[in-house]
Amino acid sequence: MQEGFYWVKSGSEPLQVWYYLAQFGWYRPQSAIPVTTTYFKMMAFEIIGDRLVPPSRFHAAESL
């Protein structure tokens, strides 16, 4: 798992973007306390898709 931002699904809750940091675990939006990988799996949180990446310069210039 690469460090970065991921869409995360939690039961019937709306999708959220969480941050994964290898040494500490998962950070929920607006929370400074990480969720460990063990707790993440135990609570059945689900990663939806690949790591999010910023748009490339080409795409950003194209939309202007």
N, C-alpha and C. Protein backbone atom coordinates (compact mmCIF):
# COMPACT_ATOMS: atom_id res chain seq x y z
N MET A 1 0.85 -1.17 0.00
CA MET A 1 0.00 0.00 0.00
C MET A 1 0.90 1.24 0.00
N GLN A 2 0.63 2.13 -0.93
CA GLN A 2 1.39 3.37 -1.02
C GLN A 2 0.78 4.44 -0.13
N GLU A 3 1.62 5.30 0.41
CA GLU A 3 1.11 6.42 1.19
C GLU A 3 0.35 7.35 0.27
N GLY A 4 -0.73 7.91 0.79
CA GLY A 4 -1.50 8.84 -0.03
C GLY A 4 -2.98 8.82 0.34
N PHE A 5 -3.77 9.46 -0.50
CA PHE A 5 -5.20 9.61 -0.27
C PHE A 5 -5.98 8.52 -1.00
N TYR A 6 -7.02 8.00 -0.33
CA TYR A 6 -7.86 6.93 -0.88
C TYR A 6 -9.33 7.19 -0.54
N TRP A 7 -10.22 6.79 -1.44
CA TRP A 7 -11.64 6.79 -1.11
C TRP A 7 -11.89 5.60 -0.20
N VAL A 8 -12.63 5.83 0.90
CA VAL A 8 -12.93 4.77 1.87
C VAL A 8 -14.43 4.72 2.10
N LYS A 9 -14.96 3.50 2.10
CA LYS A 9 -16.38 3.27 2.37
C LYS A 9 -16.53 2.66 3.75
N SER A 10 -17.51 3.15 4.49
CA SER A 10 -17.77 2.67 5.85
C SER A 10 -19.26 2.36 5.99
N GLY A 11 -19.63 1.11 5.73
CA GLY A 11 -21.04 0.72 5.84
C GLY A 11 -21.93 1.55 4.95
N SER A 12 -22.97 2.15 5.54
CA SER A 12 -23.91 2.96 4.77
C SER A 12 -23.55 4.44 4.79
N GLU A 13 -22.42 4.77 5.40
CA GLU A 13 -21.96 6.16 5.45
C GLU A 13 -21.53 6.61 4.05
N PRO A 14 -21.59 7.93 3.78
CA PRO A 14 -21.09 8.43 2.49
C PRO A 14 -19.58 8.16 2.36
N LEU A 15 -19.11 8.05 1.13
CA LEU A 15 -17.68 7.86 0.89
C LEU A 15 -16.90 9.03 1.45
N GLN A 16 -15.70 8.74 1.94
CA GLN A 16 -14.82 9.78 2.46
C GLN A 16 -13.42 9.56 1.90
N VAL A 17 -12.64 10.62 1.83
CA VAL A 17 -11.25 10.51 1.43
C VAL A 17 -10.42 10.45 2.70
N TRP A 18 -9.67 9.36 2.88
CA TRP A 18 -8.79 9.16 4.03
C TRP A 18 -7.35 9.21 3.54
N TYR A 19 -6.42 9.49 4.47
CA TYR A 19 -5.00 9.51 4.14
C TYR A 19 -4.32 8.31 4.81
N TYR A 20 -3.52 7.57 4.04
CA TYR A 20 -2.77 6.44 4.58
C TYR A 20 -1.31 6.81 4.72
N LEU A 21 -0.76 6.61 5.91
CA LEU A 21 0.66 6.85 6.20
C LEU A 21 1.23 5.55 6.77
N ALA A 22 2.17 4.96 6.07
CA ALA A 22 2.67 3.61 6.37
C ALA A 22 3.03 3.39 7.83
N GLN A 23 3.71 4.32 8.48
CA GLN A 23 4.16 4.12 9.86
C GLN A 23 3.02 4.17 10.88
N PHE A 24 1.94 4.86 10.55
CA PHE A 24 0.91 5.12 11.56
C PHE A 24 -0.46 4.54 11.25
N GLY A 25 -0.83 4.46 9.99
CA GLY A 25 -2.13 3.91 9.63
C GLY A 25 -2.97 4.90 8.85
N TRP A 26 -4.27 4.86 9.11
CA TRP A 26 -5.25 5.64 8.35
C TRP A 26 -5.73 6.85 9.12
N TYR A 27 -5.81 7.97 8.43
CA TYR A 27 -6.32 9.21 9.03
C TYR A 27 -7.66 9.55 8.40
N ARG A 28 -8.68 9.65 9.24
CA ARG A 28 -10.00 10.07 8.78
C ARG A 28 -9.97 11.57 8.51
N PRO A 29 -10.95 12.05 7.75
CA PRO A 29 -11.02 13.50 7.54
C PRO A 29 -11.15 14.25 8.87
N GLN A 30 -10.42 15.30 9.02
CA GLN A 30 -10.46 16.18 10.19
C GLN A 30 -10.13 15.47 11.49
N SER A 31 -9.25 14.47 11.44
CA SER A 31 -8.83 13.76 12.65
C SER A 31 -7.32 13.62 12.65
N ALA A 32 -6.70 13.99 13.76
CA ALA A 32 -5.25 13.90 13.87
C ALA A 32 -4.80 12.57 14.48
N ILE A 33 -5.75 11.73 14.86
CA ILE A 33 -5.43 10.44 15.48
C ILE A 33 -5.63 9.33 14.44
N PRO A 34 -4.57 8.59 14.12
CA PRO A 34 -4.70 7.56 13.09
C PRO A 34 -5.47 6.33 13.56
N VAL A 35 -6.07 5.65 12.60
CA VAL A 35 -6.73 4.37 12.82
C VAL A 35 -5.72 3.31 12.37
N THR A 36 -5.41 2.36 13.21
CA THR A 36 -4.44 1.33 12.83
C THR A 36 -5.01 0.44 11.73
N THR A 37 -4.13 -0.20 11.00
CA THR A 37 -4.56 -1.10 9.93
C THR A 37 -5.41 -2.24 10.49
N THR A 38 -5.06 -2.74 11.66
CA THR A 38 -5.84 -3.81 12.30
C THR A 38 -7.26 -3.35 12.59
N TYR A 39 -7.41 -2.16 13.17
CA TYR A 39 -8.73 -1.61 13.47
C TYR A 39 -9.49 -1.33 12.18
N PHE A 40 -8.79 -0.83 11.16
CA PHE A 40 -9.40 -0.54 9.86
C PHE A 40 -10.06 -1.81 9.31
N LYS A 41 -9.34 -2.93 9.36
CA LYS A 41 -9.88 -4.21 8.87
C LYS A 41 -11.00 -4.72 9.77
N MET A 42 -10.83 -4.60 11.09
CA MET A 42 -11.83 -5.08 12.05
C MET A 42 -13.17 -4.36 11.87
N MET A 43 -13.13 -3.06 11.56
CA MET A 43 -14.34 -2.27 11.39
C MET A 43 -14.92 -2.39 9.97
N ALA A 44 -14.31 -3.23 9.15
CA ALA A 44 -14.77 -3.51 7.78
C ALA A 44 -14.82 -2.27 6.90
N PHE A 45 -13.89 -1.34 7.13
CA PHE A 45 -13.76 -0.22 6.21
C PHE A 45 -13.26 -0.79 4.89
N GLU A 46 -13.66 -0.18 3.80
CA GLU A 46 -13.31 -0.70 2.48
C GLU A 46 -12.69 0.40 1.62
N ILE A 47 -11.57 0.07 0.99
CA ILE A 47 -10.91 1.02 0.08
C ILE A 47 -11.59 0.87 -1.28
N ILE A 48 -12.03 2.00 -1.81
CA ILE A 48 -12.71 2.01 -3.10
C ILE A 48 -11.75 2.60 -4.14
N GLY A 49 -11.14 1.78 -4.94
CA GLY A 49 -10.27 2.26 -6.00
C GLY A 49 -8.82 2.42 -5.60
N ASP A 50 -8.06 2.94 -6.55
CA ASP A 50 -6.62 3.13 -6.38
C ASP A 50 -6.34 4.44 -5.65
N ARG A 51 -5.07 4.61 -5.31
CA ARG A 51 -4.61 5.84 -4.66
C ARG A 51 -4.96 7.04 -5.54
N LEU A 52 -5.44 8.10 -4.92
CA LEU A 52 -5.79 9.31 -5.66
C LEU A 52 -4.52 10.09 -5.99
N VAL A 53 -4.46 10.62 -7.18
CA VAL A 53 -3.32 11.43 -7.61
C VAL A 53 -3.82 12.76 -8.13
N PRO A 54 -3.04 13.82 -7.96
CA PRO A 54 -3.48 15.12 -8.47
C PRO A 54 -3.53 15.09 -10.00
N PRO A 55 -4.35 15.93 -10.59
CA PRO A 55 -4.41 15.97 -12.05
C PRO A 55 -3.07 16.43 -12.62
N SER A 56 -2.77 15.96 -13.81
CA SER A 56 -1.51 16.35 -14.44
C SER A 56 -1.59 17.79 -14.93
N ARG A 57 -0.45 18.38 -15.18
CA ARG A 57 -0.41 19.76 -15.69
C ARG A 57 -1.12 19.87 -17.02
N PHE A 58 -0.99 18.85 -17.85
CA PHE A 58 -1.61 18.88 -19.17
C PHE A 58 -3.12 19.01 -19.04
N HIS A 59 -3.74 18.22 -18.18
CA HIS A 59 -5.19 18.26 -18.00
C HIS A 59 -5.63 19.58 -17.36
N ALA A 60 -4.85 20.11 -16.45
CA ALA A 60 -5.20 21.38 -15.80
C ALA A 60 -5.18 22.52 -16.82
N ALA A 61 -4.19 22.56 -17.69
CA ALA A 61 -4.07 23.61 -18.70
C ALA A 61 -5.16 23.46 -19.75
N GLU A 62 -5.56 22.23 -20.03
CA GLU A 62 -6.57 21.94 -21.03
C GLU A 62 -7.94 22.50 -20.63
N SER A 63 -8.23 22.53 -19.33
CA SER A 63 -9.54 22.97 -18.87
C SER A 63 -9.70 24.49 -18.81
N LEU A 64 -8.62 25.23 -19.01
CA LEU A 64 -8.68 26.69 -18.97
C LEU A 64 -9.29 27.29 -20.21
